[in-house]
Amino acid sequence: MSLAPYETSIKAIGDAIKGVFDFAVKSKEKQSETEIIREKNKLKKATDIAEKIIILSYKYLDKFVEDDKEKFEDLINDFKKYN
């Protein structure tokens, strides 16, 4: 019995399965990209809020005890280094 008549069908089924797996991989990649973009946007918003907090805190820096002033300045320097 020859498999020649079935070769085209078998190849088509294989191609269809490959297409499903390719789609699943592409879909997962797109989902990951979307998640990264969302996280980046959330981080940007958090950084903007932190900057506003810092600006507001500077108004009251003279009310801080000396130890807190030093800690605040150290934290500001760390923030600037990573922002």
C-alpha atoms as a PDB file:
ATOM      1  CA  MET A   1       0.000   0.000   0.000  1.00  0.00           C
ATOM      2  CA  SER A   2       1.402   3.379  -0.989  1.00  0.00           C
ATOM      3  CA  LEU A   3       1.254   6.383   1.324  1.00  0.00           C
ATOM      4  CA  ALA A   4       1.505   8.849  -1.562  1.00  0.00           C
ATOM      5  CA  PRO A   5      -2.186   9.871  -1.454  1.00  0.00           C
ATOM      6  CA  TYR A   6      -1.877  10.583   2.255  1.00  0.00           C
ATOM      7  CA  GLU A   7       1.386  12.525   2.112  1.00  0.00           C
ATOM      8  CA  THR A   8      -0.349  15.790   1.229  1.00  0.00           C
ATOM      9  CA  SER A   9      -2.909  15.334   4.014  1.00  0.00           C
ATOM     10  CA  ILE A  10      -0.239  14.422   6.559  1.00  0.00           C
ATOM     11  CA  LYS A  11       1.852  17.442   5.534  1.00  0.00           C
ATOM     12  CA  ALA A  12      -1.225  19.709   5.757  1.00  0.00           C
ATOM     13  CA  ILE A  13      -2.026  18.430   9.245  1.00  0.00           C
ATOM     14  CA  GLY A  14       1.602  18.937  10.287  1.00  0.00           C
ATOM     15  CA  ASP A  15       1.591  22.466   8.874  1.00  0.00           C
ATOM     16  CA  ALA A  16      -1.669  23.237  10.688  1.00  0.00           C
ATOM     17  CA  ILE A  17      -0.262  22.028  14.011  1.00  0.00           C
ATOM     18  CA  LYS A  18       2.920  24.034  13.424  1.00  0.00           C
ATOM     19  CA  GLY A  19       0.773  27.078  12.661  1.00  0.00           C
ATOM     20  CA  VAL A  20      -1.100  26.688  15.952  1.00  0.00           C
ATOM     21  CA  PHE A  21       2.164  26.435  17.898  1.00  0.00           C
ATOM     22  CA  ASP A  22       3.646  29.418  16.022  1.00  0.00           C
ATOM     23  CA  PHE A  23       0.526  31.444  16.828  1.00  0.00           C
ATOM     24  CA  ALA A  24       0.746  30.470  20.506  1.00  0.00           C
ATOM     25  CA  VAL A  25       4.411  31.522  20.670  1.00  0.00           C
ATOM     26  CA  LYS A  26       3.739  34.853  18.927  1.00  0.00           C
ATOM     27  CA  SER A  27       0.742  35.491  21.164  1.00  0.00           C
ATOM     28  CA  LYS A  28       2.839  34.834  24.286  1.00  0.00           C
ATOM     29  CA  GLU A  29       5.612  37.137  22.999  1.00  0.00           C
ATOM     30  CA  LYS A  30       3.083  39.915  22.366  1.00  0.00           C
ATOM     31  CA  GLN A  31       1.577  39.398  25.822  1.00  0.00           C
ATOM     32  CA  SER A  32       5.039  39.658  27.389  1.00  0.00           C
ATOM     33  CA  GLU A  33       5.789  42.866  25.465  1.00  0.00           C
ATOM     34  CA  THR A  34       2.483  44.356  26.599  1.00  0.00           C
ATOM     35  CA  GLU A  35       3.226  43.437  30.219  1.00  0.00           C
ATOM     36  CA  ILE A  36       6.683  45.041  30.026  1.00  0.00           C
ATOM     37  CA  ILE A  37       5.167  48.237  28.609  1.00  0.00           C
ATOM     38  CA  ARG A  38       2.559  48.307  31.405  1.00  0.00           C
ATOM     39  CA  GLU A  39       5.203  47.806  34.078  1.00  0.00           C
ATOM     40  CA  LYS A  40       7.371  50.541  32.551  1.00  0.00           C
ATOM     41  CA  ASN A  41       4.423  52.950  32.577  1.00  0.00           C
ATOM     42  CA  LYS A  42       3.645  52.117  36.208  1.00  0.00           C
ATOM     43  CA  LEU A  43       7.286  52.671  37.154  1.00  0.00           C
ATOM     44  CA  LYS A  44       7.266  56.054  35.383  1.00  0.00           C
ATOM     45  CA  LYS A  45       4.153  57.107  37.312  1.00  0.00           C
ATOM     46  CA  ALA A  46       5.692  55.972  40.608  1.00  0.00           C
ATOM     47  CA  THR A  47       8.882  57.902  39.842  1.00  0.00           C
ATOM     48  CA  ASP A  48       6.898  61.042  39.029  1.00  0.00           C
ATOM     49  CA  ILE A  49       5.059  60.744  42.358  1.00  0.00           C
ATOM     50  CA  ALA A  50       8.332  60.187  44.230  1.00  0.00           C
ATOM     51  CA  GLU A  51       9.754  63.357  42.674  1.00  0.00           C
ATOM     52  CA  LYS A  52       6.708  65.318  43.867  1.00  0.00           C
ATOM     53  CA  ILE A  53       7.134  63.899  47.367  1.00  0.00           C
ATOM     54  CA  ILE A  54      10.793  64.926  47.365  1.00  0.00           C
ATOM     55  CA  ILE A  55       9.957  68.467  46.260  1.00  0.00           C
ATOM     56  CA  LEU A  56       7.306  68.750  48.970  1.00  0.00           C
ATOM     57  CA  SER A  57       9.665  67.335  51.603  1.00  0.00           C
ATOM     58  CA  TYR A  58      12.339  69.899  50.774  1.00  0.00           C
ATOM     59  CA  LYS A  59       9.977  72.606  52.038  1.00  0.00           C
ATOM     60  CA  TYR A  60      10.207  71.116  55.524  1.00  0.00           C
ATOM     61  CA  LEU A  61      13.850  70.026  55.491  1.00  0.00           C
ATOM     62  CA  ASP A  62      14.775  72.659  58.054  1.00  0.00           C
ATOM     63  CA  LYS A  63      12.285  71.031  60.498  1.00  0.00           C
ATOM     64  CA  PHE A  64      14.038  67.651  60.298  1.00  0.00           C
ATOM     65  CA  VAL A  65      16.354  66.549  63.088  1.00  0.00           C
ATOM     66  CA  GLU A  66      19.961  66.391  61.950  1.00  0.00           C
ATOM     67  CA  ASP A  67      20.024  62.602  61.656  1.00  0.00           C
ATOM     68  CA  ASP A  68      16.905  62.617  59.466  1.00  0.00           C
ATOM     69  CA  LYS A  69      18.354  65.386  57.284  1.00  0.00           C
ATOM     70  CA  GLU A  70      21.402  63.245  56.600  1.00  0.00           C
ATOM     71  CA  LYS A  71      19.276  60.183  55.825  1.00  0.00           C
ATOM     72  CA  PHE A  72      17.069  62.291  53.560  1.00  0.00           C
ATOM     73  CA  GLU A  73      20.059  63.655  51.659  1.00  0.00           C
ATOM     74  CA  ASP A  74      21.508  60.134  51.282  1.00  0.00           C
ATOM     75  CA  LEU A  75      18.186  58.877  49.940  1.00  0.00           C
ATOM     76  CA  ILE A  76      17.977  61.809  47.537  1.00  0.00           C
ATOM     77  CA  ASN A  77      21.454  61.018  46.233  1.00  0.00           C
ATOM     78  CA  ASP A  78      20.507  57.351  45.768  1.00  0.00           C
ATOM     79  CA  PHE A  79      17.326  58.397  43.988  1.00  0.00           C
ATOM     80  CA  LYS A  80      19.257  60.674  41.629  1.00  0.00           C
ATOM     81  CA  LYS A  81      21.804  57.948  40.921  1.00  0.00           C
ATOM     82  CA  TYR A  82      19.127  55.498  39.754  1.00  0.00           C
ATOM     83  CA  ASN A  83      16.731  57.937  38.148  1.00  0.00           C
END
